[in-house]
C-alpha cells in the first residue's frame, strides 16, 4: 500500500532551485531514507512534505490528502523531529512530553499516560525529572523523537536525527529508530552513508536538488554498475547527470 505519492515536487527560492521535479512513492510502514550531502535538497523536501513550506510546483499525497489543498488534514497525520533538537531546555523530560501531548489535544491525565509510555519506550525513565538542558546530545535527540511520536502520527519525519552526535550516541539512537520500524512510516534524511545503509528499507540518493536513484542498498549497488561497495555506488549515482527516479 502506498503511503506517500510525490509528483513533480519542486521548490525554488528566486533563481535557485532547491528541489527539482521530485517523483517518488513511499510504502506504508517503510523506513525510507533520503541520502545526500549538505545542500542536496533533503531538508527542503521534508519541509514541503510536512507542510512547513509551500511547493513552487507539483504536489504530494499523504494518506489520501494533498500537501497543497489539504494541509490541515495532512498535519493531523504526521509529525516531525527537526534537525535542530526541539526541546524546551528549562522543562523536565516529563514536562516536555506532557506539553507536546497537551498541544495535540490530550487532557492532563491522558498526556501523563502518553508521556509515561514514551519514557519507557525510549529509555528515559531515569531522567524523567531532569531538565532537558542537562541531558547529553544523544538523550536530547531521543527525547525529540519521543516528542514527535507522542501524537501517534502515521508518518514521522526525522531530519538528520544523529547530526552532531558522537559515534556511541549515534549508534544508540540507531537502535531506538530500528525499534520503530513497521510501527510508523518513517522518512529519514541523512548524509551518513552508514546510517542510510543500516536503517533504511529503501533509500533515495539526492544531489543538487534532484533525486538521482531509488532502491534498496543492493539494488543501488547493482544500478551503479561496477561499484564494489555502497559508498562507491553512492558516489557514482550522486554524480550522474539527470534525475533517475
C-alpha atoms as a PDB file:
ATOM      1  CA  UNK A   1       0.000   0.000   0.000  1.00  0.00           C
ATOM      2  CA  UNK A   2       1.299   3.448  -0.945  1.00  0.00           C
ATOM      3  CA  UNK A   3       1.502   5.893   1.960  1.00  0.00           C
ATOM      4  CA  UNK A   4       3.051   8.836   0.113  1.00  0.00           C
ATOM      5  CA  UNK A   5       2.892   9.654  -3.588  1.00  0.00           C
ATOM      6  CA  UNK A   6       5.030  12.572  -4.759  1.00  0.00           C
ATOM      7  CA  UNK A   7       4.685  14.032  -8.265  1.00  0.00           C
ATOM      8  CA  UNK A   8       6.736  16.840  -9.785  1.00  0.00           C
ATOM      9  CA  UNK A   9       7.543  18.371  -6.384  1.00  0.00           C
ATOM     10  CA  UNK A  10       9.633  21.493  -6.885  1.00  0.00           C
ATOM     11  CA  UNK A  11      10.835  24.343  -4.680  1.00  0.00           C
ATOM     12  CA  UNK A  12      12.531  27.475  -5.965  1.00  0.00           C
ATOM     13  CA  UNK A  13      13.904  30.394  -3.987  1.00  0.00           C
ATOM     14  CA  UNK A  14      14.272  33.164  -6.523  1.00  0.00           C
ATOM     15  CA  UNK A  15      16.595  31.842  -9.209  1.00  0.00           C
ATOM     16  CA  UNK A  16      17.837  28.961  -7.062  1.00  0.00           C
ATOM     17  CA  UNK A  17      16.103  25.584  -7.356  1.00  0.00           C
ATOM     18  CA  UNK A  18      16.362  23.717  -4.062  1.00  0.00           C
ATOM     19  CA  UNK A  19      14.293  20.697  -5.176  1.00  0.00           C
ATOM     20  CA  UNK A  20      13.643  19.918  -8.825  1.00  0.00           C
ATOM     21  CA  UNK A  21      10.792  17.730 -10.102  1.00  0.00           C
ATOM     22  CA  UNK A  22      10.808  15.099  -7.362  1.00  0.00           C
ATOM     23  CA  UNK A  23       8.798  11.945  -8.139  1.00  0.00           C
ATOM     24  CA  UNK A  24       8.605   9.178  -5.565  1.00  0.00           C
ATOM     25  CA  UNK A  25       6.322   6.718  -3.783  1.00  0.00           C
ATOM     26  CA  UNK A  26       6.823   5.519  -0.203  1.00  0.00           C
ATOM     27  CA  UNK A  27       5.047   2.475   1.196  1.00  0.00           C
ATOM     28  CA  UNK A  28       3.104   2.103   4.431  1.00  0.00           C
ATOM     29  CA  UNK A  29       5.349   1.101   7.346  1.00  0.00           C
ATOM     30  CA  UNK A  30       8.531   1.687   5.370  1.00  0.00           C
ATOM     31  CA  UNK A  31      11.646   3.406   6.676  1.00  0.00           C
ATOM     32  CA  UNK A  32      12.731   5.444   3.677  1.00  0.00           C
ATOM     33  CA  UNK A  33      15.986   7.401   3.797  1.00  0.00           C
ATOM     34  CA  UNK A  34      16.877  10.428   1.696  1.00  0.00           C
ATOM     35  CA  UNK A  35      20.668  10.362   1.439  1.00  0.00           C
ATOM     36  CA  UNK A  36      22.759  13.248   0.191  1.00  0.00           C
ATOM     37  CA  UNK A  37      25.383  15.788   1.103  1.00  0.00           C
ATOM     38  CA  UNK A  38      24.556  19.187   2.618  1.00  0.00           C
ATOM     39  CA  UNK A  39      22.603  21.268   0.100  1.00  0.00           C
ATOM     40  CA  UNK A  40      21.194  18.243  -1.726  1.00  0.00           C
ATOM     41  CA  UNK A  41      17.593  19.323  -1.043  1.00  0.00           C
ATOM     42  CA  UNK A  42      16.720  16.793   1.666  1.00  0.00           C
ATOM     43  CA  UNK A  43      15.549  19.204   4.354  1.00  0.00           C
ATOM     44  CA  UNK A  44      13.604  21.306   1.841  1.00  0.00           C
ATOM     45  CA  UNK A  45      11.829  18.133   0.732  1.00  0.00           C
ATOM     46  CA  UNK A  46      10.903  17.311   4.333  1.00  0.00           C
ATOM     47  CA  UNK A  47       9.643  20.861   4.870  1.00  0.00           C
ATOM     48  CA  UNK A  48       7.354  20.592   1.855  1.00  0.00           C
ATOM     49  CA  UNK A  49       6.046  17.146   2.779  1.00  0.00           C
ATOM     50  CA  UNK A  50       5.365  18.245   6.366  1.00  0.00           C
ATOM     51  CA  UNK A  51       3.575  21.425   5.216  1.00  0.00           C
ATOM     52  CA  UNK A  52       6.192  23.765   6.666  1.00  0.00           C
ATOM     53  CA  UNK A  53       6.791  25.346   3.268  1.00  0.00           C
ATOM     54  CA  UNK A  54       4.640  25.526   0.138  1.00  0.00           C
ATOM     55  CA  UNK A  55       5.920  23.892  -3.069  1.00  0.00           C
ATOM     56  CA  UNK A  56       6.584  26.076  -6.081  1.00  0.00           C
ATOM     57  CA  UNK A  57       5.181  23.311  -8.280  1.00  0.00           C
ATOM     58  CA  UNK A  58       3.983  19.736  -8.017  1.00  0.00           C
ATOM     59  CA  UNK A  59       2.191  18.004  -5.163  1.00  0.00           C
ATOM     60  CA  UNK A  60       2.366  15.101  -2.754  1.00  0.00           C
ATOM     61  CA  UNK A  61      -0.493  12.968  -1.489  1.00  0.00           C
ATOM     62  CA  UNK A  62      -0.039  11.742   2.075  1.00  0.00           C
ATOM     63  CA  UNK A  63      -2.596   9.158   3.189  1.00  0.00           C
ATOM     64  CA  UNK A  64      -5.063  10.496   0.642  1.00  0.00           C
ATOM     65  CA  UNK A  65      -4.591  14.211   1.348  1.00  0.00           C
ATOM     66  CA  UNK A  66      -2.707  16.814  -0.659  1.00  0.00           C
ATOM     67  CA  UNK A  67       0.044  18.951   0.875  1.00  0.00           C
ATOM     68  CA  UNK A  68      -1.220  21.773  -1.363  1.00  0.00           C
ATOM     69  CA  UNK A  69      -5.005  21.634  -0.918  1.00  0.00           C
ATOM     70  CA  UNK A  70      -5.344  19.534   2.257  1.00  0.00           C
ATOM     71  CA  UNK A  71      -2.655  20.876   4.532  1.00  0.00           C
ATOM     72  CA  UNK A  72      -4.760  20.795   7.717  1.00  0.00           C
ATOM     73  CA  UNK A  73      -5.700  17.149   7.147  1.00  0.00           C
ATOM     74  CA  UNK A  74      -2.071  16.196   6.441  1.00  0.00           C
ATOM     75  CA  UNK A  75      -0.816  17.875   9.623  1.00  0.00           C
ATOM     76  CA  UNK A  76      -3.147  15.725  11.740  1.00  0.00           C
ATOM     77  CA  UNK A  77      -1.493  12.553  10.437  1.00  0.00           C
ATOM     78  CA  UNK A  78       2.196  13.461  10.656  1.00  0.00           C
ATOM     79  CA  UNK A  79       4.844  14.748  12.994  1.00  0.00           C
ATOM     80  CA  UNK A  80       8.410  15.983  12.624  1.00  0.00           C
ATOM     81  CA  UNK A  81      11.589  15.610  14.628  1.00  0.00           C
ATOM     82  CA  UNK A  82      13.552  18.507  13.153  1.00  0.00           C
ATOM     83  CA  UNK A  83      17.277  18.853  12.547  1.00  0.00           C
ATOM     84  CA  UNK A  84      17.501  21.262  15.469  1.00  0.00           C
ATOM     85  CA  UNK A  85      16.639  19.486  18.732  1.00  0.00           C
ATOM     86  CA  UNK A  86      13.131  20.775  19.506  1.00  0.00           C
ATOM     87  CA  UNK A  87      13.047  20.510  23.275  1.00  0.00           C
ATOM     88  CA  UNK A  88      12.280  23.181  25.871  1.00  0.00           C
ATOM     89  CA  UNK A  89      15.586  23.321  27.794  1.00  0.00           C
ATOM     90  CA  UNK A  90      14.157  24.518  31.112  1.00  0.00           C
ATOM     91  CA  UNK A  91      11.371  21.954  31.269  1.00  0.00           C
ATOM     92  CA  UNK A  92      11.972  18.451  32.549  1.00  0.00           C
ATOM     93  CA  UNK A  93      11.858  15.470  30.222  1.00  0.00           C
ATOM     94  CA  UNK A  94       8.403  14.557  31.542  1.00  0.00           C
ATOM     95  CA  UNK A  95       7.159  18.138  31.213  1.00  0.00           C
ATOM     96  CA  UNK A  96       8.364  18.316  27.592  1.00  0.00           C
ATOM     97  CA  UNK A  97       6.424  15.188  26.716  1.00  0.00           C
ATOM     98  CA  UNK A  98       3.268  16.240  28.588  1.00  0.00           C
ATOM     99  CA  UNK A  99       3.393  19.684  26.993  1.00  0.00           C
ATOM    100  CA  UNK A 100       3.502  18.274  23.462  1.00  0.00           C
ATOM    101  CA  UNK A 101       0.729  15.791  24.224  1.00  0.00           C
ATOM    102  CA  UNK A 102      -1.380  18.704  25.503  1.00  0.00           C
ATOM    103  CA  UNK A 103      -0.704  20.739  22.368  1.00  0.00           C
ATOM    104  CA  UNK A 104      -2.084  17.829  20.345  1.00  0.00           C
ATOM    105  CA  UNK A 105      -5.292  17.781  22.358  1.00  0.00           C
ATOM    106  CA  UNK A 106      -4.725  15.346  25.231  1.00  0.00           C
ATOM    107  CA  UNK A 107      -6.171  16.241  28.629  1.00  0.00           C
ATOM    108  CA  UNK A 108      -3.801  16.265  31.608  1.00  0.00           C
ATOM    109  CA  UNK A 109      -4.405  12.652  32.620  1.00  0.00           C
ATOM    110  CA  UNK A 110      -4.054  11.309  29.084  1.00  0.00           C
ATOM    111  CA  UNK A 111      -0.978  13.443  28.493  1.00  0.00           C
ATOM    112  CA  UNK A 112       0.618  11.943  31.606  1.00  0.00           C
ATOM    113  CA  UNK A 113      -0.186   8.422  30.448  1.00  0.00           C
ATOM    114  CA  UNK A 114       1.239   9.035  26.988  1.00  0.00           C
ATOM    115  CA  UNK A 115       4.336  10.697  28.418  1.00  0.00           C
ATOM    116  CA  UNK A 116       4.957   7.765  30.754  1.00  0.00           C
ATOM    117  CA  UNK A 117       4.729   5.359  27.816  1.00  0.00           C
ATOM    118  CA  UNK A 118       7.235   7.397  25.811  1.00  0.00           C
ATOM    119  CA  UNK A 119       9.605   7.451  28.785  1.00  0.00           C
ATOM    120  CA  UNK A 120       9.512   3.667  28.838  1.00  0.00           C
ATOM    121  CA  UNK A 121       9.780   3.148  25.082  1.00  0.00           C
ATOM    122  CA  UNK A 122      12.755   5.486  24.740  1.00  0.00           C
ATOM    123  CA  UNK A 123      14.560   4.532  27.934  1.00  0.00           C
ATOM    124  CA  UNK A 124      14.110   7.950  29.518  1.00  0.00           C
ATOM    125  CA  UNK A 125      12.608   6.878  32.849  1.00  0.00           C
ATOM    126  CA  UNK A 126      15.738   7.629  34.864  1.00  0.00           C
ATOM    127  CA  UNK A 127      15.936  11.213  33.578  1.00  0.00           C
ATOM    128  CA  UNK A 128      12.185  11.969  33.653  1.00  0.00           C
ATOM    129  CA  UNK A 129      12.656  14.664  36.300  1.00  0.00           C
ATOM    130  CA  UNK A 130      15.805  16.187  34.790  1.00  0.00           C
ATOM    131  CA  UNK A 131      15.720  19.435  32.865  1.00  0.00           C
ATOM    132  CA  UNK A 132      16.233  18.842  29.152  1.00  0.00           C
ATOM    133  CA  UNK A 133      19.235  21.158  29.035  1.00  0.00           C
ATOM    134  CA  UNK A 134      21.152  18.831  31.370  1.00  0.00           C
ATOM    135  CA  UNK A 135      20.872  15.860  29.000  1.00  0.00           C
ATOM    136  CA  UNK A 136      23.577  14.712  26.621  1.00  0.00           C
ATOM    137  CA  UNK A 137      23.119  15.427  22.926  1.00  0.00           C
ATOM    138  CA  UNK A 138      22.103  11.834  22.282  1.00  0.00           C
ATOM    139  CA  UNK A 139      19.494  11.863  25.035  1.00  0.00           C
ATOM    140  CA  UNK A 140      18.100  15.172  23.784  1.00  0.00           C
ATOM    141  CA  UNK A 141      17.709  13.697  20.300  1.00  0.00           C
ATOM    142  CA  UNK A 142      15.983  10.663  21.802  1.00  0.00           C
ATOM    143  CA  UNK A 143      13.610  12.982  23.664  1.00  0.00           C
ATOM    144  CA  UNK A 144      12.977  14.952  20.478  1.00  0.00           C
ATOM    145  CA  UNK A 145      11.907  11.802  18.633  1.00  0.00           C
ATOM    146  CA  UNK A 146       9.707  10.751  21.577  1.00  0.00           C
ATOM    147  CA  UNK A 147       8.038  14.165  21.366  1.00  0.00           C
ATOM    148  CA  UNK A 148       7.455  13.582  17.667  1.00  0.00           C
ATOM    149  CA  UNK A 149       5.744  10.257  18.349  1.00  0.00           C
ATOM    150  CA  UNK A 150       3.590  11.223  21.313  1.00  0.00           C
ATOM    151  CA  UNK A 151       0.844  12.489  18.998  1.00  0.00           C
ATOM    152  CA  UNK A 152       0.702   8.967  17.492  1.00  0.00           C
ATOM    153  CA  UNK A 153       1.376  10.077  13.903  1.00  0.00           C
ATOM    154  CA  UNK A 154       1.021   7.719  10.973  1.00  0.00           C
ATOM    155  CA  UNK A 155       4.044   9.302   9.297  1.00  0.00           C
ATOM    156  CA  UNK A 156       7.135  10.549  11.145  1.00  0.00           C
ATOM    157  CA  UNK A 157       9.807  12.730   9.554  1.00  0.00           C
ATOM    158  CA  UNK A 158      13.311  12.504  11.046  1.00  0.00           C
ATOM    159  CA  UNK A 159      15.551  15.250   9.659  1.00  0.00           C
ATOM    160  CA  UNK A 160      19.244  14.417  10.236  1.00  0.00           C
ATOM    161  CA  UNK A 161      18.435  12.725  13.575  1.00  0.00           C
ATOM    162  CA  UNK A 162      22.053  11.968  14.528  1.00  0.00           C
ATOM    163  CA  UNK A 163      23.678  15.181  13.306  1.00  0.00           C
ATOM    164  CA  UNK A 164      26.462  16.261  15.653  1.00  0.00           C
ATOM    165  CA  UNK A 165      26.351  13.165  17.856  1.00  0.00           C
ATOM    166  CA  UNK A 166      29.419  11.147  18.729  1.00  0.00           C
ATOM    167  CA  UNK A 167      29.775   7.587  17.431  1.00  0.00           C
ATOM    168  CA  UNK A 168      28.377   5.904  20.559  1.00  0.00           C
ATOM    169  CA  UNK A 169      25.354   8.220  20.857  1.00  0.00           C
ATOM    170  CA  UNK A 170      24.678   7.811  17.133  1.00  0.00           C
ATOM    171  CA  UNK A 171      24.628   4.023  17.386  1.00  0.00           C
ATOM    172  CA  UNK A 172      22.372   4.119  20.449  1.00  0.00           C
ATOM    173  CA  UNK A 173      19.912   6.309  18.557  1.00  0.00           C
ATOM    174  CA  UNK A 174      20.046   3.926  15.595  1.00  0.00           C
ATOM    175  CA  UNK A 175      18.910   1.140  17.916  1.00  0.00           C
ATOM    176  CA  UNK A 176      15.988   3.325  19.021  1.00  0.00           C
ATOM    177  CA  UNK A 177      14.985   4.080  15.427  1.00  0.00           C
ATOM    178  CA  UNK A 178      15.169   0.400  14.445  1.00  0.00           C
ATOM    179  CA  UNK A 179      12.599  -0.412  17.130  1.00  0.00           C
ATOM    180  CA  UNK A 180      10.143   1.950  15.411  1.00  0.00           C
ATOM    181  CA  UNK A 181      10.344   0.191  12.046  1.00  0.00           C
ATOM    182  CA  UNK A 182       6.974  -1.167  10.994  1.00  0.00           C
ATOM    183  CA  UNK A 183       5.174   0.752  13.750  1.00  0.00           C
ATOM    184  CA  UNK A 184       5.050   4.011  11.796  1.00  0.00           C
ATOM    185  CA  UNK A 185       6.088   5.134   8.321  1.00  0.00           C
ATOM    186  CA  UNK A 186       9.413   6.951   8.691  1.00  0.00           C
ATOM    187  CA  UNK A 187      11.116   9.314   6.260  1.00  0.00           C
ATOM    188  CA  UNK A 188      14.653   9.983   7.409  1.00  0.00           C
ATOM    189  CA  UNK A 189      17.186  12.400   5.937  1.00  0.00           C
ATOM    190  CA  UNK A 190      20.893  11.874   6.436  1.00  0.00           C
ATOM    191  CA  UNK A 191      24.300  12.491   4.908  1.00  0.00           C
ATOM    192  CA  UNK A 192      25.796   9.478   6.706  1.00  0.00           C
ATOM    193  CA  UNK A 193      26.046   6.564   4.259  1.00  0.00           C
ATOM    194  CA  UNK A 194      26.394   4.023   7.064  1.00  0.00           C
ATOM    195  CA  UNK A 195      23.190   5.347   8.642  1.00  0.00           C
ATOM    196  CA  UNK A 196      21.150   5.088   5.438  1.00  0.00           C
ATOM    197  CA  UNK A 197      22.598   1.669   4.674  1.00  0.00           C
ATOM    198  CA  UNK A 198      21.968   0.290   8.165  1.00  0.00           C
ATOM    199  CA  UNK A 199      18.493   1.682   8.846  1.00  0.00           C
ATOM    200  CA  UNK A 200      16.520   2.022   5.627  1.00  0.00           C
ATOM    201  CA  UNK A 201      14.250  -0.434   3.857  1.00  0.00           C
ATOM    202  CA  UNK A 202      14.798   1.648   0.720  1.00  0.00           C
ATOM    203  CA  UNK A 203      16.594   4.898   0.094  1.00  0.00           C
ATOM    204  CA  UNK A 204      16.811   7.690  -2.410  1.00  0.00           C
ATOM    205  CA  UNK A 205      20.040   9.418  -3.376  1.00  0.00           C
ATOM    206  CA  UNK A 206      19.707  13.189  -3.753  1.00  0.00           C
ATOM    207  CA  UNK A 207      22.187  15.647  -5.222  1.00  0.00           C
ATOM    208  CA  UNK A 208      21.773  19.269  -6.275  1.00  0.00           C
ATOM    209  CA  UNK A 209      18.030  19.165  -5.666  1.00  0.00           C
ATOM    210  CA  UNK A 210      17.389  16.079  -7.789  1.00  0.00           C
ATOM    211  CA  UNK A 211      16.538  12.505  -6.897  1.00  0.00           C
ATOM    212  CA  UNK A 212      19.202  10.500  -8.706  1.00  0.00           C
ATOM    213  CA  UNK A 213      18.209   6.929  -7.837  1.00  0.00           C
ATOM    214  CA  UNK A 214      15.882   4.910  -5.592  1.00  0.00           C
ATOM    215  CA  UNK A 215      16.089   1.351  -4.317  1.00  0.00           C
ATOM    216  CA  UNK A 216      17.420  -0.982  -1.683  1.00  0.00           C
ATOM    217  CA  UNK A 217      21.143  -0.896  -0.957  1.00  0.00           C
ATOM    218  CA  UNK A 218      21.756  -3.973  -3.117  1.00  0.00           C
ATOM    219  CA  UNK A 219      19.639  -2.549  -5.943  1.00  0.00           C
ATOM    220  CA  UNK A 220      21.601   0.705  -5.925  1.00  0.00           C
ATOM    221  CA  UNK A 221      24.941  -1.099  -5.931  1.00  0.00           C
ATOM    222  CA  UNK A 222      23.759  -3.079  -8.968  1.00  0.00           C
ATOM    223  CA  UNK A 223      22.428   0.067 -10.633  1.00  0.00           C
ATOM    224  CA  UNK A 224      25.831   1.720 -10.282  1.00  0.00           C
ATOM    225  CA  UNK A 225      27.402  -0.912 -12.486  1.00  0.00           C
ATOM    226  CA  UNK A 226      30.970  -1.617 -11.410  1.00  0.00           C
ATOM    227  CA  UNK A 227      30.543  -0.428  -7.832  1.00  0.00           C
ATOM    228  CA  UNK A 228      32.023  -2.779  -5.229  1.00  0.00           C
ATOM    229  CA  UNK A 229      30.620  -1.037  -2.162  1.00  0.00           C
ATOM    230  CA  UNK A 230      27.622   1.100  -1.312  1.00  0.00           C
ATOM    231  CA  UNK A 231      29.944   4.088  -0.927  1.00  0.00           C
ATOM    232  CA  UNK A 232      31.185   3.592  -4.491  1.00  0.00           C
ATOM    233  CA  UNK A 233      27.580   3.299  -5.672  1.00  0.00           C
ATOM    234  CA  UNK A 234      26.589   6.494  -3.881  1.00  0.00           C
ATOM    235  CA  UNK A 235      29.385   8.482  -5.499  1.00  0.00           C
ATOM    236  CA  UNK A 236      28.602   7.108  -8.956  1.00  0.00           C
ATOM    237  CA  UNK A 237      24.855   7.701  -8.709  1.00  0.00           C
ATOM    238  CA  UNK A 238      25.055  11.098  -6.984  1.00  0.00           C
ATOM    239  CA  UNK A 239      27.298  12.492  -9.730  1.00  0.00           C
ATOM    240  CA  UNK A 240      25.464  11.137 -12.750  1.00  0.00           C
ATOM    241  CA  UNK A 241      23.548  13.545 -14.947  1.00  0.00           C
ATOM    242  CA  UNK A 242      19.740  13.821 -14.740  1.00  0.00           C
ATOM    243  CA  UNK A 243      17.207  12.602 -12.216  1.00  0.00           C
ATOM    244  CA  UNK A 244      16.988   8.855 -12.065  1.00  0.00           C
ATOM    245  CA  UNK A 245      13.697   8.093 -10.356  1.00  0.00           C
END
